[in-house]
Protein backbone atom coordinates (compact mmCIF):
# COMPACT_ATOMS: atom_id res chain seq x y z
CA MET A 1 66.54 93.43 34.01
CA LYS A 2 68.17 96.47 35.57
CA LYS A 3 64.87 98.35 35.40
CA ASN A 4 63.10 95.58 37.32
CA GLN A 5 65.87 95.54 39.96
CA ARG A 6 65.57 99.31 40.45
CA ALA A 7 61.81 98.96 40.83
CA ARG A 8 62.16 96.21 43.43
CA THR A 9 64.79 98.24 45.33
CA ARG A 10 62.50 101.33 45.33
CA ALA A 11 59.60 99.25 46.64
CA PHE A 12 61.78 97.74 49.40
CA VAL A 13 62.95 101.17 50.55
CA LEU A 14 59.42 102.54 50.59
CA CYS A 15 58.24 99.56 52.65
CA CYS A 16 61.07 100.02 55.17
CA LEU A 17 60.60 103.75 55.69
CA PRO A 18 57.68 103.41 58.16
CA PHE A 19 59.68 100.92 60.25
CA ALA A 20 62.80 103.08 60.16
CA GLY A 21 60.72 106.08 61.20
CA ALA A 22 59.12 104.10 64.01
CA ALA A 23 62.53 102.93 65.25
CA TRP A 24 63.87 106.50 65.19
CA SER A 25 60.78 107.78 66.99
CA THR A 26 61.08 105.10 69.67
CA SER A 27 64.75 105.87 70.22
CA ALA A 28 64.08 109.60 70.42
CA SER A 29 61.07 109.34 72.74
CA ALA A 30 62.80 106.79 74.99
CA GLN A 31 65.77 109.16 75.47
CA SER A 32 68.28 106.33 75.76
CA SER A 33 71.91 107.11 76.63
CA VAL A 34 75.12 105.14 77.01
CA THR A 35 78.24 106.64 78.59
CA LEU A 36 81.76 105.25 78.23
CA TYR A 37 84.01 106.08 81.19
CA GLY A 38 87.25 104.91 82.70
CA VAL A 39 90.54 105.53 84.50
CA VAL A 40 94.18 104.84 83.63
CA ASP A 41 96.53 105.10 86.63
CA ASN A 42 100.26 104.25 86.68
CA ALA A 43 103.04 105.09 89.15
CA PHE A 44 106.63 104.53 90.19
CA ALA A 45 106.69 102.79 93.57
CA TYR A 46 109.20 102.02 96.30
CA VAL A 47 108.65 99.47 99.07
CA SER A 48 111.14 99.08 101.92
CA ASN A 49 110.42 95.40 102.52
CA GLN A 50 108.72 92.86 100.25
CA LYS A 51 109.34 89.44 101.77
CA GLY A 52 112.73 90.61 102.98
CA HIS A 53 113.86 92.84 100.10
CA SER A 54 113.34 96.46 99.14
CA ASN A 55 111.87 97.02 95.69
CA PHE A 56 111.58 99.83 93.16
CA TYR A 57 109.01 99.03 90.50
CA MET A 58 106.03 100.29 88.51
CA SER A 59 102.58 99.95 90.02
CA GLN A 60 99.13 100.60 88.58
CA GLY A 61 95.67 101.43 89.91
CA ASN A 62 96.93 103.24 93.01
CA LEU A 63 95.02 106.51 93.32
CA GLN A 64 92.12 104.85 91.49
CA ALA A 65 91.83 101.40 89.95
CA SER A 66 92.45 101.29 86.20
CA LYS A 67 89.15 100.41 84.57
CA PHE A 68 86.66 101.14 81.82
CA GLY A 69 82.91 100.82 81.82
CA PHE A 70 79.60 101.43 80.12
CA LEU A 71 76.73 103.09 81.97
CA GLY A 72 73.37 103.22 80.24
CA SER A 73 69.78 104.26 80.84
CA GLU A 74 66.47 104.40 79.01
CA ASP A 75 63.63 106.67 80.08
CA LEU A 76 60.50 104.51 80.39
CA GLY A 77 58.26 107.38 81.44
CA GLY A 78 56.56 108.16 84.73
CA GLY A 79 59.88 108.78 86.48
CA THR A 80 61.14 105.25 85.76
CA LYS A 81 64.33 104.32 83.90
CA ALA A 82 65.90 101.06 82.80
CA ILE A 83 69.60 101.12 83.74
CA PHE A 84 72.68 98.97 83.27
CA ARG A 85 76.40 99.04 84.04
CA LEU A 86 79.26 96.93 82.69
CA GLU A 87 82.65 97.68 84.27
CA SER A 88 85.99 95.97 83.68
CA GLY A 89 89.24 96.32 85.59
CA PHE A 90 92.55 95.95 83.78
CA ASN A 91 96.29 96.18 84.39
CA SER A 92 97.30 99.43 82.71
CA LEU A 93 100.98 98.38 82.66
CA THR A 94 100.42 95.16 80.72
CA GLY A 95 96.90 95.41 79.27
CA ALA A 96 95.83 92.19 81.01
CA GLN A 97 92.47 91.71 82.70
CA SER A 98 92.75 92.36 86.42
CA THR A 99 90.80 89.14 87.08
CA ALA A 100 91.48 86.33 84.61
CA GLY A 101 88.35 84.94 83.02
CA TYR A 102 86.14 87.91 83.97
CA MET A 103 85.60 90.48 81.25
CA PHE A 104 83.45 92.66 83.53
CA ASN A 105 84.95 91.70 86.88
CA ARG A 106 84.09 94.90 88.71
CA GLN A 107 80.37 95.34 88.00
CA ALA A 108 77.78 93.86 85.65
CA TYR A 109 74.14 94.62 86.41
CA VAL A 110 70.79 95.68 85.00
CA GLY A 111 67.84 97.22 86.81
CA LEU A 112 65.02 99.71 87.16
CA ALA A 113 65.24 103.12 88.83
CA ASN A 114 62.29 105.25 89.92
CA ASP A 115 62.51 108.75 91.35
CA ARG A 116 59.85 107.99 93.95
CA TYR A 117 60.29 104.31 94.83
CA GLY A 118 64.04 103.74 94.50
CA THR A 119 66.27 101.45 92.45
CA VAL A 120 66.43 97.66 92.05
CA THR A 121 69.43 96.09 90.28
CA LEU A 122 70.41 92.48 89.46
CA GLY A 123 73.89 91.07 88.78
CA ARG A 124 77.47 91.42 90.03
CA GLN A 125 77.61 94.46 92.30
CA TYR A 126 79.40 96.26 95.10
CA THR A 127 77.80 95.92 98.51
CA PRO A 128 75.78 98.72 100.19
CA TYR A 129 78.37 98.37 102.99
CA PHE A 130 81.11 99.51 100.61
CA GLN A 131 79.04 102.01 98.66
CA MET A 132 77.91 103.93 101.72
CA VAL A 133 80.47 103.37 104.50
CA GLY A 134 83.46 102.94 102.19
CA ALA A 135 82.70 106.29 100.57
CA LEU A 136 83.20 108.00 103.95
CA GLY A 137 85.99 105.74 105.19
CA PRO A 138 89.73 105.83 104.51
CA THR A 139 89.59 104.64 100.90
CA GLY A 140 86.88 107.12 100.01
CA VAL A 141 89.30 109.90 100.94
CA LEU A 142 92.77 108.34 100.73
CA THR A 143 93.73 105.84 98.07
CA GLY A 144 92.98 102.18 98.73
CA ALA A 145 96.50 101.11 97.79
CA THR A 146 98.06 102.77 100.83
CA GLY A 147 95.06 104.11 102.76
CA ALA A 148 93.06 100.89 103.21
CA HIS A 149 93.24 99.32 106.65
CA PRO A 150 95.87 96.54 106.97
CA GLY A 151 95.24 93.88 104.32
CA ASP A 152 91.84 95.52 103.71
CA VAL A 153 90.67 93.32 106.57
CA ASP A 154 87.33 95.17 106.79
CA ALA A 155 86.72 95.28 103.00
CA LEU A 156 86.19 99.04 102.94
CA ASP A 157 88.22 99.15 99.72
CA THR A 158 86.74 97.94 96.41
CA THR A 159 87.47 94.24 96.91
CA LEU A 160 84.02 93.09 98.16
CA ARG A 161 81.47 92.28 95.44
CA PHE A 162 78.49 89.94 95.24
CA ASN A 163 77.59 87.74 92.28
CA ASN A 164 74.00 86.63 91.60
CA SER A 165 72.74 89.50 93.73
CA VAL A 166 69.68 91.72 93.96
CA THR A 167 70.09 95.19 95.45
CA TYR A 168 67.54 97.79 96.54
CA LEU A 169 68.52 101.45 96.98
CA SER A 170 65.91 103.78 98.45
CA PRO A 171 65.38 107.38 97.34
CA THR A 172 66.94 110.01 99.59
CA ILE A 173 64.42 111.35 102.11
CA ALA A 174 65.44 114.26 104.33
CA GLY A 175 69.10 113.35 103.79
CA LEU A 176 68.63 109.67 104.70
CA GLN A 177 69.16 106.81 102.25
CA ALA A 178 69.06 103.02 102.80
CA SER A 179 70.17 100.02 100.78
CA ALA A 180 70.03 96.23 101.11
CA GLN A 181 71.51 93.42 99.04
CA TYR A 182 71.11 89.64 98.91
CA GLY A 183 73.41 87.27 97.04
CA LEU A 184 71.95 83.88 96.08
CA GLY A 185 74.21 80.92 96.80
CA GLY A 186 72.56 78.79 94.12
CA VAL A 187 72.96 75.53 96.07
CA PRO A 188 70.25 72.96 95.14
CA GLY A 189 68.09 72.06 98.12
CA SER A 190 69.38 74.87 100.34
CA VAL A 191 68.69 78.56 99.74
CA ALA A 192 70.85 79.56 102.72
CA ASN A 193 74.11 77.78 101.77
CA GLY A 194 76.58 80.20 100.27
CA SER A 195 74.16 83.12 100.49
CA LEU A 196 75.31 86.64 101.34
CA PHE A 197 73.65 89.73 102.80
CA SER A 198 74.55 93.39 103.16
CA ALA A 199 72.69 96.49 104.35
CA ALA A 200 73.65 100.10 105.00
CA LEU A 201 72.30 103.53 105.95
CA ARG A 202 73.71 106.93 105.07
CA TYR A 203 72.71 110.37 106.31
CA ASP A 204 73.89 113.64 104.78
CA PHE A 205 73.19 117.02 106.24
CA GLN A 206 75.94 119.39 105.27
CA PRO A 207 78.52 119.73 106.62
CA VAL A 208 78.03 116.30 108.26
CA SER A 209 77.88 112.86 106.61
CA LEU A 210 77.32 109.62 108.54
CA ALA A 211 77.05 105.97 107.43
CA VAL A 212 76.74 102.54 109.00
CA GLY A 213 76.89 99.17 107.22
CA TYR A 214 76.74 95.41 107.76
CA VAL A 215 77.78 92.33 105.78
CA LYS A 216 77.16 88.63 106.45
CA LEU A 217 79.15 86.15 104.35
CA LYS A 218 78.62 82.38 104.40
CA ASP A 219 81.03 79.73 103.15
CA ILE A 220 83.55 82.25 101.86
CA ALA A 221 85.78 79.52 100.41
CA THR A 222 83.04 78.01 98.22
CA SER A 223 80.16 80.50 97.84
CA ALA A 224 79.16 81.15 94.22
CA ALA A 225 77.61 84.44 95.35
CA LEU A 226 80.92 85.85 96.63
CA GLY A 227 82.47 87.71 93.72
CA SER A 228 85.63 88.93 95.43
CA PHE A 229 86.85 89.36 99.01
CA ALA A 230 90.33 90.17 100.36
CA ILE A 231 91.31 87.08 102.35
CA ASN A 232 94.85 86.77 100.95
CA SER A 233 97.00 88.81 103.33
CA PRO A 234 98.86 87.55 106.43
CA VAL A 235 96.45 89.69 108.46
CA ASN A 236 93.51 87.35 107.79
CA ASN A 237 94.49 84.48 105.45
CA GLY A 238 94.53 82.10 108.42
CA TYR A 239 90.73 82.42 108.51
CA ALA A 240 89.99 81.69 104.83
CA SER A 241 88.21 78.49 105.91
CA ALA A 242 85.65 80.40 108.02
CA ARG A 243 82.09 79.09 107.97
CA SER A 244 80.80 82.65 108.20
CA THR A 245 82.22 86.15 108.24
CA GLN A 246 80.54 89.22 109.68
CA LEU A 247 81.57 92.80 108.99
CA PHE A 248 80.24 95.93 110.68
CA ALA A 249 81.53 99.43 110.05
CA ALA A 250 80.60 103.03 110.74
CA ALA A 251 82.10 106.25 109.42
CA GLY A 252 81.45 109.95 109.63
CA ARG A 253 83.03 113.13 108.43
CA TYR A 254 82.70 116.87 108.88
CA THR A 255 83.55 119.41 106.18
CA TRP A 256 84.33 123.03 106.94
CA HIS A 257 85.33 125.12 103.93
CA ASP A 258 88.49 123.43 102.54
CA LEU A 259 89.03 121.16 105.56
CA MET A 260 87.51 117.70 106.04
CA VAL A 261 87.97 115.51 109.13
CA GLY A 262 86.53 112.06 109.69
CA LEU A 263 86.42 109.06 112.01
CA ASN A 264 85.76 105.40 111.21
CA TYR A 265 85.39 102.10 113.04
CA SER A 266 85.06 98.49 111.90
CA ASN A 267 84.49 95.12 113.54
CA VAL A 268 85.23 91.91 111.60
CA GLN A 269 84.43 88.42 112.91
CA TYR A 270 85.47 85.08 111.41
CA ALA A 271 83.48 82.14 112.79
CA PRO A 272 84.63 78.51 112.35
CA GLY A 273 82.48 75.62 111.20
CA HIS A 274 82.83 72.00 110.16
CA GLY A 275 86.09 71.66 108.27
CA SER A 276 87.54 75.01 109.35
CA LEU A 277 91.25 75.12 110.14
CA PHE A 278 90.71 77.21 113.29
CA PHE A 279 88.45 76.61 116.30
CA ASP A 280 87.66 79.97 117.97
CA LYS A 281 85.88 83.02 116.60
CA ALA A 282 88.47 85.60 115.57
CA VAL A 283 87.69 89.32 115.91
CA PHE A 284 89.47 92.36 114.42
CA ASN A 285 88.61 95.88 115.62
CA THR A 286 89.93 98.88 113.68
CA TYR A 287 89.80 102.53 114.71
CA GLY A 288 90.70 105.22 112.19
CA ALA A 289 90.92 108.96 111.60
CA ILE A 290 91.28 110.84 108.31
CA ALA A 291 91.65 114.44 107.16
CA THR A 292 92.11 116.38 103.93
CA TYR A 293 92.83 120.02 103.20
CA ARG A 294 92.53 121.79 99.85
CA ILE A 295 95.40 124.26 99.74
CA THR A 296 94.44 125.65 96.33
CA PRO A 297 91.78 124.60 93.79
CA SER A 298 94.47 122.34 92.26
CA VAL A 299 96.40 121.12 95.31
CA THR A 300 94.99 118.86 98.04
CA VAL A 301 96.77 117.05 100.87
CA GLY A 302 95.41 114.27 103.06
CA GLY A 303 96.39 111.94 105.86
CA GLY A 304 95.06 109.10 107.94
CA TYR A 305 95.88 106.92 110.93
CA SER A 306 94.46 103.53 111.86
CA PHE A 307 94.91 101.04 114.68
CA THR A 308 93.85 97.42 114.17
CA GLN A 309 93.66 94.97 117.09
CA ALA A 310 93.01 91.22 116.82
CA SER A 311 91.34 89.24 119.62
CA LYS A 312 92.84 86.54 121.81
CA ALA A 313 91.73 83.37 120.06
CA ASN A 314 92.92 80.11 118.51
CA GLY A 315 95.78 79.67 120.95
CA ILE A 316 97.16 83.21 120.52
CA SER A 317 97.80 84.98 123.83
CA ASP A 318 99.61 87.97 122.29
CA PRO A 319 97.26 88.91 119.41
CA ALA A 320 98.43 91.00 116.48
CA HIS A 321 97.95 94.73 116.30
CA TYR A 322 98.85 97.16 113.55
CA HIS A 323 99.56 100.90 113.48
CA GLN A 324 99.39 102.58 110.07
CA ILE A 325 99.96 106.15 108.86
CA SER A 326 98.97 107.13 105.31
CA LEU A 327 99.63 110.40 103.45
CA GLU A 328 98.49 111.68 100.05
CA GLN A 329 99.22 114.75 97.94
CA THR A 330 97.46 115.49 94.63
CA TYR A 331 97.91 118.17 91.99
CA SER A 332 95.14 118.48 89.41
CA LEU A 333 96.47 119.41 85.99
CA SER A 334 92.85 119.46 84.79
CA THR A 335 89.48 118.08 85.83
CA ARG A 336 90.55 114.70 84.39
CA THR A 337 94.33 114.50 84.92
CA THR A 338 96.05 114.34 88.30
CA LEU A 339 99.64 114.01 89.50
CA TYR A 340 99.89 112.34 92.90
CA ALA A 341 102.27 111.19 95.62
CA LEU A 342 101.46 108.57 98.27
CA GLU A 343 103.36 107.55 101.39
CA ALA A 344 102.43 105.02 104.08
CA TYR A 345 104.12 103.30 106.99
CA GLN A 346 102.88 100.38 109.05
CA HIS A 347 104.19 98.69 112.18
CA ALA A 348 102.91 95.29 113.31
CA SER A 349 103.45 93.42 116.57
CA GLY A 350 102.14 90.35 118.35
CA LYS A 351 101.17 87.00 116.82
CA SER A 352 98.75 86.09 114.05
CA LEU A 353 97.26 82.96 112.54
CA ILE A 354 98.55 82.62 108.98
CA ALA A 355 98.09 80.15 106.15
CA SER A 356 100.92 77.64 105.92
CA GLY A 357 100.80 75.02 103.19
CA SER A 358 97.49 73.20 103.54
CA GLY A 359 97.05 74.34 107.16
CA VAL A 360 97.58 77.30 109.48
CA THR A 361 100.24 78.22 111.98
CA ILE A 362 100.88 80.87 114.64
CA ALA A 363 103.63 83.29 113.64
CA ASP A 364 104.87 86.81 114.28
CA ALA A 365 102.61 89.41 112.72
CA VAL A 366 104.16 91.11 109.70
CA ALA A 367 103.39 94.50 108.19
CA VAL A 368 101.28 94.80 105.04
CA VAL A 369 100.48 98.38 104.02
CA GLY A 370 96.91 98.90 102.84
CA ASP A 371 95.94 96.27 100.29
CA SER A 372 98.69 97.06 97.78
CA GLN A 373 101.07 94.55 99.38
CA ASN A 374 98.77 91.63 100.21
CA ALA A 375 100.78 89.27 98.02
CA THR A 376 104.13 90.82 99.00
CA PRO A 377 104.01 91.56 102.75
CA SER A 378 107.00 92.56 104.80
CA SER A 379 109.19 89.85 106.29
CA GLY A 380 109.22 91.77 109.57
CA PRO A 381 107.20 94.18 111.69
CA SER A 382 107.50 97.30 109.52
CA GLN A 383 106.92 98.35 105.93
CA PHE A 384 107.09 101.68 104.08
CA VAL A 385 105.50 102.35 100.69
CA GLY A 386 106.01 105.46 98.55
CA MET A 387 104.55 106.19 95.10
CA VAL A 388 104.58 108.99 92.53
CA GLY A 389 102.10 108.62 89.69
CA LEU A 390 99.73 109.98 87.09
CA ARG A 391 95.99 109.33 86.81
CA HIS A 392 93.79 110.21 83.86
CA ALA A 393 90.02 109.77 83.88
CA PHE A 394 87.84 109.76 80.79
């Protein structure tokens, strides 16, 4: 009996060897690769005013959001690759998902990339607006937690993503690269309802980098294509019922040896529609400047200033405006591990339209530094935030 079993086992192995060899050959010739990467970032933080009280607490994802992800590719030949990315954000102080119910809340896409014709990807993705302009704006240089414009009103931090989207990224030609993205609303009988669109251009010719981007959002309260969008701060939560939202931004920077200086501008418009809780188009213009200087290969300092001005609309004759100063100091212990300190101060004045119960009301504008305090804004016109933390990338 045992002899027969050994014979059957030998025959099975011999039959499988050609298939095993074929599988190994395919894997080797396809040159597939999968990379695991991520960031863990925690800090001690102090805020002078959170809804009327100072607070000393621990904060996470400040210099960079805590996350992990998988990035993969398979060489299909002829300069074409199949690619995918799965990226999940998490709270590194508690271990919880940063967005409940979303395992890969940051990015989840698959696509094809060709050296000559560009890249097409499908899934949940950042917008070209963020990828190109955001990279040169305040949060591409200073941390989003304290460097983002008030409440991240212009979505130049990482909070704007599209679901159900298709994105095209062109190859770089003479320093110029373009990208466009369309998010499908998925509404039966109407392709336009809930749909989203973004496009951007970037030009690099050292030492100069320039970028311009555009986003059009429809039905931000109900769109299935809108993955995430910062509409929860007192800067803009009064316009969460907007029928459409339009964002335009431009940024540029100049690098000379260890010094970098940059300028940025954004224009955000919230338009009302049937059922909106406001009646006039609201406009926010933001003007910003940033700079960094590398003192040593390990030590870098940076700073930024922004001024945000709201328009006269919806019964507001003294519209809100915000002044914000942001500072950053980093010390690299290695290529992966960084000690950092962040400081930011914001002063607000004028009136703003804010969410109040099931409606909106006109109230004094309150300070909300970057997008780290959207849920805990100041109770008055000023707010200071300071942080000391450690970031490790892998």
